[in-house]
Amino acid sequence: MYFNTLLDGSLKAISFVAHVVNRLLARSRGPDEFWRKRKIFKLASHFLGRRRNCYSLAIRSVHRALLYSTQGRKLKKEDMHELWLTRSTAAIEEHADLAVWEPRTFKSLAVIANARAEQDGFSKTKPDLSTTVITNGLIK
């Protein structure tokens, strides 16, 4: 048995288990230091040199790498959008003259592209192509 001294000077008996449990529940410290460090070292396992083995260097490098990966996800979307626009613009410019001067040839290319897209499993963006062909005579 352990005894606690109260404010009035009297002794109060407390059991050992209750005393230890109260101390342990006062503040939860989180995971053991080994496991916290192991998590960082696993994330730093592909780094070179001391950044892989020294905790203070590893944690800095891991935080920086996680920051870069977060920013990279946004930049990847922007880069893919820019690449998509570049490719679309190049295709449009390549076939612009063909669409103006040889509309039937352009329409046949569009039909072939739609057939290939169906074979590859893509749904049609437009259900049917127009039956009329726009020529220079219709524009005027």
N, C-alpha and C. Protein backbone atom coordinates (compact mmCIF):
# COMPACT_ATOMS: atom_id res chain seq x y z
N MET A 1 0.83 -1.18 0.00
CA MET A 1 0.00 0.00 0.00
C MET A 1 0.87 1.24 0.00
N TYR A 2 0.39 2.25 -0.71
CA TYR A 2 1.03 3.55 -0.70
C TYR A 2 0.13 4.53 0.02
N PHE A 3 0.72 5.58 0.59
CA PHE A 3 -0.06 6.56 1.33
C PHE A 3 0.12 7.93 0.72
N ASN A 4 -0.94 8.69 0.64
CA ASN A 4 -0.91 10.06 0.17
C ASN A 4 -1.18 10.98 1.35
N THR A 5 -0.45 12.06 1.45
CA THR A 5 -0.70 13.02 2.52
C THR A 5 -1.71 14.03 2.02
N LEU A 6 -2.80 14.19 2.77
CA LEU A 6 -3.84 15.14 2.40
C LEU A 6 -3.49 16.52 2.94
N LEU A 7 -4.26 17.54 2.56
CA LEU A 7 -3.98 18.91 2.98
C LEU A 7 -4.04 19.09 4.50
N ASP A 8 -4.92 18.34 5.15
CA ASP A 8 -5.03 18.50 6.61
C ASP A 8 -3.98 17.69 7.37
N GLY A 9 -3.08 17.02 6.67
CA GLY A 9 -2.00 16.29 7.32
C GLY A 9 -2.29 14.83 7.54
N SER A 10 -3.51 14.38 7.30
CA SER A 10 -3.82 12.97 7.50
C SER A 10 -3.34 12.16 6.30
N LEU A 11 -3.14 10.89 6.53
CA LEU A 11 -2.68 9.99 5.48
C LEU A 11 -3.87 9.25 4.87
N LYS A 12 -3.79 9.05 3.56
CA LYS A 12 -4.85 8.32 2.87
C LYS A 12 -4.17 7.17 2.12
N ALA A 13 -4.66 5.98 2.31
CA ALA A 13 -4.08 4.81 1.65
C ALA A 13 -4.63 4.70 0.23
N ILE A 14 -3.73 4.47 -0.75
CA ILE A 14 -4.16 4.24 -2.13
C ILE A 14 -3.49 2.97 -2.62
N SER A 15 -4.14 2.29 -3.48
CA SER A 15 -3.55 1.06 -3.99
C SER A 15 -2.52 1.41 -5.07
N PHE A 16 -1.56 0.51 -5.25
CA PHE A 16 -0.49 0.73 -6.21
C PHE A 16 -1.04 0.81 -7.64
N VAL A 17 -1.99 -0.05 -7.98
CA VAL A 17 -2.53 -0.10 -9.34
C VAL A 17 -3.24 1.20 -9.68
N ALA A 18 -4.05 1.70 -8.77
CA ALA A 18 -4.76 2.95 -9.04
C ALA A 18 -3.79 4.10 -9.22
N HIS A 19 -2.72 4.09 -8.43
CA HIS A 19 -1.72 5.15 -8.52
C HIS A 19 -1.03 5.13 -9.89
N VAL A 20 -0.63 3.94 -10.34
CA VAL A 20 0.06 3.82 -11.62
C VAL A 20 -0.87 4.15 -12.78
N VAL A 21 -2.10 3.67 -12.72
CA VAL A 21 -3.05 3.92 -13.80
C VAL A 21 -3.33 5.41 -13.92
N ASN A 22 -3.50 6.10 -12.80
CA ASN A 22 -3.76 7.54 -12.85
C ASN A 22 -2.58 8.28 -13.47
N ARG A 23 -1.37 7.85 -13.16
CA ARG A 23 -0.21 8.51 -13.76
C ARG A 23 -0.13 8.26 -15.26
N LEU A 24 -0.44 7.06 -15.68
CA LEU A 24 -0.36 6.72 -17.10
C LEU A 24 -1.45 7.40 -17.91
N LEU A 25 -2.62 7.56 -17.34
CA LEU A 25 -3.72 8.17 -18.07
C LEU A 25 -3.68 9.70 -18.04
N ALA A 26 -2.77 10.26 -17.26
CA ALA A 26 -2.71 11.71 -17.17
C ALA A 26 -2.34 12.33 -18.51
N ARG A 27 -1.45 11.66 -19.23
CA ARG A 27 -1.01 12.20 -20.51
C ARG A 27 -0.64 11.05 -21.42
N SER A 28 -1.35 10.93 -22.52
CA SER A 28 -1.03 9.88 -23.48
C SER A 28 0.11 10.38 -24.36
N ARG A 29 1.20 9.66 -24.39
CA ARG A 29 2.39 10.14 -25.07
C ARG A 29 2.46 9.76 -26.54
N GLY A 30 1.53 9.00 -27.03
CA GLY A 30 1.58 8.61 -28.42
C GLY A 30 2.44 7.37 -28.60
N PRO A 31 2.81 7.05 -29.83
CA PRO A 31 3.58 5.83 -30.07
C PRO A 31 4.99 5.95 -29.50
N ASP A 32 5.58 4.80 -29.31
CA ASP A 32 6.94 4.75 -28.81
C ASP A 32 7.88 5.45 -29.79
N GLU A 33 8.96 5.97 -29.27
CA GLU A 33 9.92 6.72 -30.10
C GLU A 33 10.45 5.86 -31.24
N PHE A 34 10.67 4.58 -30.98
CA PHE A 34 11.18 3.68 -32.01
C PHE A 34 10.26 3.65 -33.22
N TRP A 35 8.96 3.57 -32.99
CA TRP A 35 8.02 3.45 -34.10
C TRP A 35 7.86 4.77 -34.84
N ARG A 36 7.93 5.88 -34.11
CA ARG A 36 7.88 7.18 -34.79
C ARG A 36 9.08 7.35 -35.71
N LYS A 37 10.26 7.00 -35.20
CA LYS A 37 11.47 7.12 -36.03
C LYS A 37 11.45 6.13 -37.18
N ARG A 38 10.94 4.94 -36.92
CA ARG A 38 10.89 3.93 -37.97
C ARG A 38 10.03 4.39 -39.15
N LYS A 39 8.91 5.06 -38.83
CA LYS A 39 8.04 5.57 -39.89
C LYS A 39 8.79 6.56 -40.77
N ILE A 40 9.55 7.46 -40.16
CA ILE A 40 10.33 8.45 -40.91
C ILE A 40 11.42 7.76 -41.72
N PHE A 41 12.12 6.79 -41.10
CA PHE A 41 13.20 6.10 -41.81
C PHE A 41 12.67 5.28 -42.98
N LYS A 42 11.46 4.73 -42.85
CA LYS A 42 10.88 4.00 -43.99
C LYS A 42 10.57 4.95 -45.15
N LEU A 43 10.09 6.15 -44.81
CA LEU A 43 9.81 7.13 -45.87
C LEU A 43 11.10 7.65 -46.49
N ALA A 44 12.21 7.61 -45.74
CA ALA A 44 13.49 8.12 -46.23
C ALA A 44 14.39 7.02 -46.77
N SER A 45 13.86 5.81 -46.92
CA SER A 45 14.72 4.68 -47.29
C SER A 45 15.34 4.81 -48.68
N HIS A 46 14.73 5.57 -49.56
CA HIS A 46 15.28 5.70 -50.91
C HIS A 46 16.20 6.90 -51.06
N PHE A 47 16.39 7.68 -50.00
CA PHE A 47 17.30 8.82 -50.06
C PHE A 47 18.75 8.33 -50.05
N LEU A 48 19.66 9.19 -50.46
CA LEU A 48 21.08 8.83 -50.50
C LEU A 48 21.82 9.47 -49.33
N GLY A 49 22.89 8.81 -48.90
CA GLY A 49 23.78 9.38 -47.89
C GLY A 49 23.17 9.41 -46.50
N ARG A 50 23.57 10.42 -45.74
CA ARG A 50 23.14 10.53 -44.34
C ARG A 50 21.67 10.87 -44.21
N ARG A 51 21.06 11.35 -45.28
CA ARG A 51 19.63 11.69 -45.21
C ARG A 51 18.79 10.44 -44.99
N ARG A 52 19.37 9.27 -45.23
CA ARG A 52 18.66 8.02 -45.01
C ARG A 52 18.82 7.52 -43.57
N ASN A 53 19.98 7.80 -42.94
CA ASN A 53 20.30 7.18 -41.66
C ASN A 53 20.20 8.11 -40.46
N CYS A 54 20.44 9.40 -40.63
CA CYS A 54 20.41 10.34 -39.50
C CYS A 54 18.99 10.90 -39.38
N TYR A 55 18.43 10.76 -38.18
CA TYR A 55 17.02 11.12 -37.99
C TYR A 55 16.77 12.60 -38.26
N SER A 56 17.65 13.47 -37.75
CA SER A 56 17.41 14.91 -37.91
C SER A 56 17.46 15.32 -39.38
N LEU A 57 18.34 14.69 -40.15
CA LEU A 57 18.39 14.98 -41.58
C LEU A 57 17.24 14.29 -42.32
N ALA A 58 16.91 13.09 -41.88
CA ALA A 58 15.86 12.32 -42.56
C ALA A 58 14.50 13.00 -42.41
N ILE A 59 14.21 13.50 -41.21
CA ILE A 59 12.88 14.09 -41.01
C ILE A 59 12.73 15.37 -41.82
N ARG A 60 13.81 16.14 -41.93
CA ARG A 60 13.75 17.35 -42.76
C ARG A 60 13.51 16.98 -44.22
N SER A 61 14.25 15.98 -44.69
CA SER A 61 14.13 15.57 -46.09
C SER A 61 12.76 14.97 -46.38
N VAL A 62 12.23 14.20 -45.44
CA VAL A 62 10.91 13.59 -45.64
C VAL A 62 9.83 14.67 -45.68
N HIS A 63 9.91 15.65 -44.79
CA HIS A 63 8.92 16.73 -44.80
C HIS A 63 8.97 17.49 -46.12
N ARG A 64 10.18 17.76 -46.60
CA ARG A 64 10.33 18.47 -47.87
C ARG A 64 9.79 17.62 -49.03
N ALA A 65 10.08 16.32 -49.01
CA ALA A 65 9.60 15.44 -50.08
C ALA A 65 8.08 15.36 -50.08
N LEU A 66 7.47 15.30 -48.90
CA LEU A 66 6.01 15.26 -48.83
C LEU A 66 5.41 16.57 -49.32
N LEU A 67 6.08 17.67 -49.04
CA LEU A 67 5.61 18.97 -49.53
C LEU A 67 5.68 19.01 -51.05
N TYR A 68 6.81 18.54 -51.61
CA TYR A 68 6.95 18.52 -53.06
C TYR A 68 5.92 17.60 -53.72
N SER A 69 5.64 16.47 -53.09
CA SER A 69 4.67 15.56 -53.70
C SER A 69 3.27 16.16 -53.68
N THR A 70 2.95 16.92 -52.62
CA THR A 70 1.65 17.58 -52.56
C THR A 70 1.53 18.62 -53.66
N GLN A 71 2.58 19.43 -53.83
CA GLN A 71 2.56 20.44 -54.88
C GLN A 71 2.59 19.78 -56.26
N GLY A 72 3.28 18.65 -56.37
CA GLY A 72 3.42 17.97 -57.65
C GLY A 72 2.12 17.45 -58.20
N ARG A 73 1.20 17.06 -57.31
CA ARG A 73 -0.09 16.57 -57.81
C ARG A 73 -0.85 17.66 -58.53
N LYS A 74 -0.78 18.88 -58.03
CA LYS A 74 -1.45 20.00 -58.69
C LYS A 74 -0.73 20.34 -60.00
N LEU A 75 0.61 20.37 -59.95
CA LEU A 75 1.37 20.71 -61.14
C LEU A 75 1.19 19.67 -62.24
N LYS A 76 1.05 18.40 -61.85
CA LYS A 76 0.85 17.35 -62.85
C LYS A 76 -0.46 17.58 -63.61
N LYS A 77 -1.51 17.95 -62.88
CA LYS A 77 -2.80 18.22 -63.54
C LYS A 77 -2.68 19.40 -64.50
N GLU A 78 -1.97 20.45 -64.06
CA GLU A 78 -1.78 21.62 -64.93
C GLU A 78 -0.97 21.26 -66.16
N ASP A 79 0.09 20.46 -65.99
CA ASP A 79 0.92 20.05 -67.12
C ASP A 79 0.14 19.19 -68.10
N MET A 80 -0.67 18.27 -67.59
CA MET A 80 -1.45 17.42 -68.48
C MET A 80 -2.49 18.23 -69.24
N HIS A 81 -3.09 19.23 -68.58
CA HIS A 81 -4.05 20.10 -69.25
C HIS A 81 -3.36 20.88 -70.37
N GLU A 82 -2.18 21.41 -70.06
CA GLU A 82 -1.43 22.17 -71.07
C GLU A 82 -1.02 21.27 -72.23
N LEU A 83 -0.60 20.03 -71.95
CA LEU A 83 -0.24 19.09 -73.00
C LEU A 83 -1.45 18.75 -73.86
N TRP A 84 -2.60 18.56 -73.22
CA TRP A 84 -3.83 18.26 -73.96
C TRP A 84 -4.18 19.41 -74.89
N LEU A 85 -4.08 20.65 -74.39
CA LEU A 85 -4.38 21.81 -75.24
C LEU A 85 -3.39 21.92 -76.39
N THR A 86 -2.12 21.67 -76.13
CA THR A 86 -1.10 21.74 -77.18
C THR A 86 -1.38 20.71 -78.27
N ARG A 87 -1.68 19.49 -77.85
CA ARG A 87 -1.95 18.43 -78.83
C ARG A 87 -3.22 18.73 -79.62
N SER A 88 -4.25 19.23 -78.93
CA SER A 88 -5.50 19.57 -79.63
C SER A 88 -5.28 20.69 -80.63
N THR A 89 -4.53 21.71 -80.22
CA THR A 89 -4.25 22.83 -81.11
C THR A 89 -3.47 22.36 -82.33
N ALA A 90 -2.48 21.49 -82.12
CA ALA A 90 -1.68 20.99 -83.24
C ALA A 90 -2.56 20.20 -84.21
N ALA A 91 -3.44 19.36 -83.69
CA ALA A 91 -4.32 18.58 -84.56
C ALA A 91 -5.30 19.47 -85.31
N ILE A 92 -5.81 20.48 -84.62
CA ILE A 92 -6.76 21.40 -85.26
C ILE A 92 -6.08 22.18 -86.37
N GLU A 93 -4.87 22.68 -86.09
CA GLU A 93 -4.15 23.45 -87.11
C GLU A 93 -3.77 22.58 -88.30
N GLU A 94 -3.45 21.31 -88.02
CA GLU A 94 -3.05 20.41 -89.10
C GLU A 94 -4.21 20.12 -90.05
N HIS A 95 -5.40 19.95 -89.47
CA HIS A 95 -6.55 19.58 -90.29
C HIS A 95 -7.47 20.75 -90.61
N ALA A 96 -7.09 21.97 -90.26
CA ALA A 96 -7.95 23.12 -90.52
C ALA A 96 -8.13 23.35 -92.01
N ASP A 97 -7.02 23.35 -92.75
CA ASP A 97 -7.11 23.55 -94.20
C ASP A 97 -7.89 22.42 -94.86
N LEU A 98 -7.69 21.21 -94.36
CA LEU A 98 -8.41 20.08 -94.92
C LEU A 98 -9.92 20.24 -94.71
N ALA A 99 -10.32 20.72 -93.55
CA ALA A 99 -11.74 20.90 -93.26
C ALA A 99 -12.35 21.98 -94.14
N VAL A 100 -11.57 23.01 -94.48
CA VAL A 100 -12.09 24.11 -95.29
C VAL A 100 -12.13 23.73 -96.77
N TRP A 101 -11.02 23.17 -97.28
CA TRP A 101 -10.91 22.96 -98.72
C TRP A 101 -11.38 21.58 -99.17
N GLU A 102 -11.34 20.59 -98.30
CA GLU A 102 -11.81 19.25 -98.67
C GLU A 102 -12.71 18.71 -97.55
N PRO A 103 -13.93 19.23 -97.44
CA PRO A 103 -14.79 18.85 -96.31
C PRO A 103 -15.21 17.38 -96.31
N ARG A 104 -15.39 16.78 -97.48
CA ARG A 104 -15.80 15.37 -97.51
C ARG A 104 -14.68 14.47 -97.00
N THR A 105 -13.46 14.79 -97.36
CA THR A 105 -12.32 14.02 -96.85
C THR A 105 -12.22 14.17 -95.34
N PHE A 106 -12.43 15.39 -94.86
CA PHE A 106 -12.38 15.63 -93.42
C PHE A 106 -13.47 14.85 -92.70
N LYS A 107 -14.67 14.81 -93.31
CA LYS A 107 -15.77 14.06 -92.70
C LYS A 107 -15.45 12.58 -92.65
N SER A 108 -14.84 12.05 -93.70
CA SER A 108 -14.49 10.62 -93.69
C SER A 108 -13.43 10.33 -92.62
N LEU A 109 -12.50 11.26 -92.40
CA LEU A 109 -11.53 11.09 -91.32
C LEU A 109 -12.22 11.09 -89.95
N ALA A 110 -13.23 11.94 -89.79
CA ALA A 110 -13.97 11.98 -88.53
C ALA A 110 -14.73 10.68 -88.30
N VAL A 111 -15.30 10.11 -89.36
CA VAL A 111 -16.02 8.84 -89.24
C VAL A 111 -15.05 7.72 -88.84
N ILE A 112 -13.87 7.71 -89.46
CA ILE A 112 -12.86 6.70 -89.12
C ILE A 112 -12.41 6.85 -87.66
N ALA A 113 -12.22 8.09 -87.23
CA ALA A 113 -11.79 8.33 -85.85
C ALA A 113 -12.86 7.89 -84.86
N ASN A 114 -14.14 8.14 -85.17
CA ASN A 114 -15.23 7.71 -84.29
C ASN A 114 -15.32 6.19 -84.24
N ALA A 115 -15.12 5.52 -85.38
CA ALA A 115 -15.16 4.06 -85.39
C ALA A 115 -14.03 3.49 -84.54
N ARG A 116 -12.86 4.07 -84.65
CA ARG A 116 -11.71 3.61 -83.85
C ARG A 116 -11.95 3.85 -82.35
N ALA A 117 -12.57 4.98 -82.03
CA ALA A 117 -12.86 5.27 -80.62
C ALA A 117 -13.86 4.26 -80.06
N GLU A 118 -14.83 3.85 -80.87
CA GLU A 118 -15.79 2.83 -80.43
C GLU A 118 -15.10 1.50 -80.21
N GLN A 119 -14.16 1.13 -81.10
CA GLN A 119 -13.42 -0.12 -80.94
C GLN A 119 -12.59 -0.11 -79.66
N ASP A 120 -12.04 1.05 -79.32
CA ASP A 120 -11.20 1.16 -78.12
C ASP A 120 -12.02 1.28 -76.85
N GLY A 121 -13.34 1.37 -76.97
CA GLY A 121 -14.19 1.39 -75.79
C GLY A 121 -14.60 2.77 -75.33
N PHE A 122 -14.31 3.80 -76.09
CA PHE A 122 -14.74 5.14 -75.72
C PHE A 122 -16.14 5.37 -76.24
N SER A 123 -16.95 6.08 -75.46
CA SER A 123 -18.29 6.38 -75.92
C SER A 123 -18.23 7.55 -76.90
N LYS A 124 -19.19 7.61 -77.77
CA LYS A 124 -19.23 8.70 -78.74
C LYS A 124 -19.49 10.01 -78.03
N THR A 125 -18.77 11.04 -78.43
CA THR A 125 -19.03 12.35 -77.84
C THR A 125 -20.29 12.94 -78.43
N LYS A 126 -20.51 12.70 -79.71
CA LYS A 126 -21.73 13.15 -80.38
C LYS A 126 -22.39 11.92 -80.99
N PRO A 127 -23.69 11.76 -80.81
CA PRO A 127 -24.34 10.54 -81.28
C PRO A 127 -24.24 10.33 -82.79
N ASP A 128 -24.52 11.35 -83.58
CA ASP A 128 -24.48 11.21 -85.04
C ASP A 128 -23.79 12.41 -85.64
N LEU A 129 -23.05 12.15 -86.71
CA LEU A 129 -22.46 13.27 -87.45
C LEU A 129 -23.55 13.89 -88.32
N SER A 130 -23.38 15.16 -88.60
CA SER A 130 -24.39 15.82 -89.42
C SER A 130 -24.38 15.23 -90.82
N THR A 131 -25.54 15.22 -91.43
CA THR A 131 -25.65 14.65 -92.77
C THR A 131 -25.25 15.65 -93.84
N THR A 132 -25.28 16.93 -93.49
CA THR A 132 -24.89 17.94 -94.48
C THR A 132 -23.41 18.22 -94.35
N VAL A 133 -22.81 18.50 -95.46
CA VAL A 133 -21.40 18.86 -95.49
C VAL A 133 -21.31 20.34 -95.77
N ILE A 134 -20.59 21.06 -94.92
CA ILE A 134 -20.46 22.51 -95.10
C ILE A 134 -19.37 22.76 -96.13
N THR A 135 -19.72 23.46 -97.18
CA THR A 135 -18.76 23.80 -98.21
C THR A 135 -18.60 25.31 -98.27
N ASN A 136 -17.65 25.76 -99.09
CA ASN A 136 -17.43 27.20 -99.23
C ASN A 136 -18.66 27.89 -99.81
N GLY A 137 -19.40 27.20 -100.63
CA GLY A 137 -20.59 27.80 -101.22
C GLY A 137 -21.67 28.07 -100.18
N LEU A 138 -21.76 27.24 -99.14
CA LEU A 138 -22.77 27.44 -98.11
C LEU A 138 -22.39 28.56 -97.16
N ILE A 139 -21.12 28.83 -97.01
CA ILE A 139 -20.67 29.86 -96.06
C ILE A 139 -21.06 31.24 -96.55
N LYS A 140 -20.99 31.49 -97.86
CA LYS A 140 -21.25 32.82 -98.40
C LYS A 140 -22.66 33.18 -98.30
